[in-house]
Protein backbone atom coordinates (compact mmCIF):
# COMPACT_ATOMS: atom_id res chain seq x y z
CA MET A 1 299.37 156.23 252.08
CA GLU A 2 299.06 154.86 248.51
CA LYS A 3 295.84 153.07 247.29
CA GLN A 4 296.67 149.91 245.72
CA LYS A 5 294.87 149.02 242.66
CA LEU A 6 293.35 145.49 241.78
CA ASN A 7 295.76 143.67 239.43
CA LEU A 8 293.21 141.05 238.22
CA THR A 9 294.55 138.75 235.95
CA GLU A 10 292.97 136.39 233.58
CA GLU A 11 293.87 133.58 235.71
CA LYS A 12 292.28 135.24 238.97
CA ILE A 13 289.42 136.27 237.24
CA LYS A 14 288.82 132.58 235.85
CA LYS A 15 289.52 131.49 239.35
CA LEU A 16 286.82 134.17 241.00
CA VAL A 17 283.98 132.53 238.15
CA VAL A 18 284.96 128.89 239.13
CA ALA A 19 284.17 130.00 242.91
CA GLY A 20 281.44 131.46 242.31
CA THR A 21 279.85 128.86 239.96
CA VAL A 22 280.67 126.25 242.44
CA GLY A 23 278.99 128.21 245.20
CA ALA A 24 275.77 128.32 243.40
CA VAL A 25 275.84 124.85 242.04
CA LEU A 26 276.16 124.04 245.83
CA PHE A 27 273.28 126.02 246.58
CA ALA A 28 271.21 124.88 243.99
CA ALA A 29 271.88 121.30 245.30
CA ILE A 30 270.91 122.25 249.05
CA LEU A 31 267.77 123.59 247.64
CA VAL A 32 266.72 120.75 245.46
CA MET A 33 267.56 118.51 248.16
CA LEU A 34 265.09 120.44 250.57
CA LEU A 35 262.23 121.01 248.20
CA ILE A 36 262.38 117.00 248.05
CA TYR A 37 262.50 116.75 251.65
CA GLN A 38 259.39 118.96 251.47
CA VAL A 39 257.67 117.15 248.89
CA SER A 40 258.16 113.43 250.88
CA SER A 41 256.73 115.38 254.07
CA MET A 42 253.54 116.60 252.44
CA ILE A 43 252.88 113.02 250.82
CA SER A 44 253.69 111.11 254.15
CA TYR A 45 251.34 114.22 255.70
CA LYS A 46 248.98 113.23 253.62
CA ALA A 47 249.17 109.56 253.67
CA ARG A 48 248.25 110.09 257.42
CA ILE A 49 245.37 112.67 257.17
CA ASP A 50 243.89 110.14 254.58
CA HIS A 51 244.55 107.52 257.19
CA TYR A 52 242.83 109.33 259.99
CA ASN A 53 239.73 110.68 257.78
CA GLU A 54 239.37 106.84 257.20
CA GLN A 55 239.12 106.11 261.22
CA ILE A 56 236.96 108.86 261.55
CA ALA A 57 234.17 107.67 259.18
CA TYR A 58 234.74 104.19 260.92
CA TYR A 59 234.15 105.20 263.93
CA GLU A 60 231.36 107.54 262.93
CA GLN A 61 229.51 104.82 261.34
CA LEU A 62 230.01 102.79 264.72
CA ILE A 63 228.67 105.35 266.43
CA GLU A 64 225.42 105.92 264.23
CA LYS A 65 224.84 102.36 264.18
CA GLY A 66 225.02 101.94 268.17
CA GLU A 67 222.88 104.85 268.70
CA SER A 68 220.46 103.59 266.37
CA GLU A 69 220.70 99.99 268.08
CA LYS A 70 220.25 102.21 271.50
CA GLU A 71 216.78 103.85 270.00
CA THR A 72 215.72 100.86 268.67
CA PHE A 73 216.28 98.91 272.43
CA MET A 74 214.75 101.76 274.23
CA LEU A 75 211.42 102.09 272.12
CA ARG A 76 211.15 98.16 272.56
CA LYS A 77 211.82 98.42 276.19
CA TRP A 78 209.63 101.39 276.93
CA ILE A 79 206.39 99.92 274.49
CA GLU A 80 207.20 96.47 276.51
CA ARG A 81 206.97 98.55 279.94
CA GLU A 82 203.85 99.94 278.93
CA ALA A 83 201.87 97.09 277.44
CA ARG A 84 202.69 94.87 280.87
CA ALA A 85 201.17 98.62 283.02
CA LEU A 86 198.48 97.84 280.92
CA GLY A 87 198.18 93.70 281.59
CA LEU A 88 199.53 93.01 278.27
CA VAL A 89 201.66 89.45 278.62
CA TYR A 90 203.45 87.39 275.97
CA GLU A 91 201.99 83.76 275.64
CA ASP A 92 204.70 82.15 276.97
CA ASP A 93 205.52 84.63 279.80
CA ILE A 94 204.96 82.57 283.35
CA PRO A 95 202.78 84.56 285.45
CA MET A 96 204.72 85.80 288.83
CA ASN A 97 201.40 85.54 290.68
């Protein structure tokens, strides 16, 4: 068998260069689209994280307020119970006996 020689004319070389350029441009365009998609996803993800952090802070504040109110209520209730055990009453209390 004889080895066939590649017969590359100027026209064939131009077609190869054009095809390579088109391929590279399409590849670059796809990469740019993927980059834009990733950046937009990251921005939306960061916005959701910020929203959830705000909600966490709000609920932590509610919990803290609720605990302090509970402590105040429990403290007042304990003091009143101990005072009544000692026989102390409010001025406007109605005697139960």
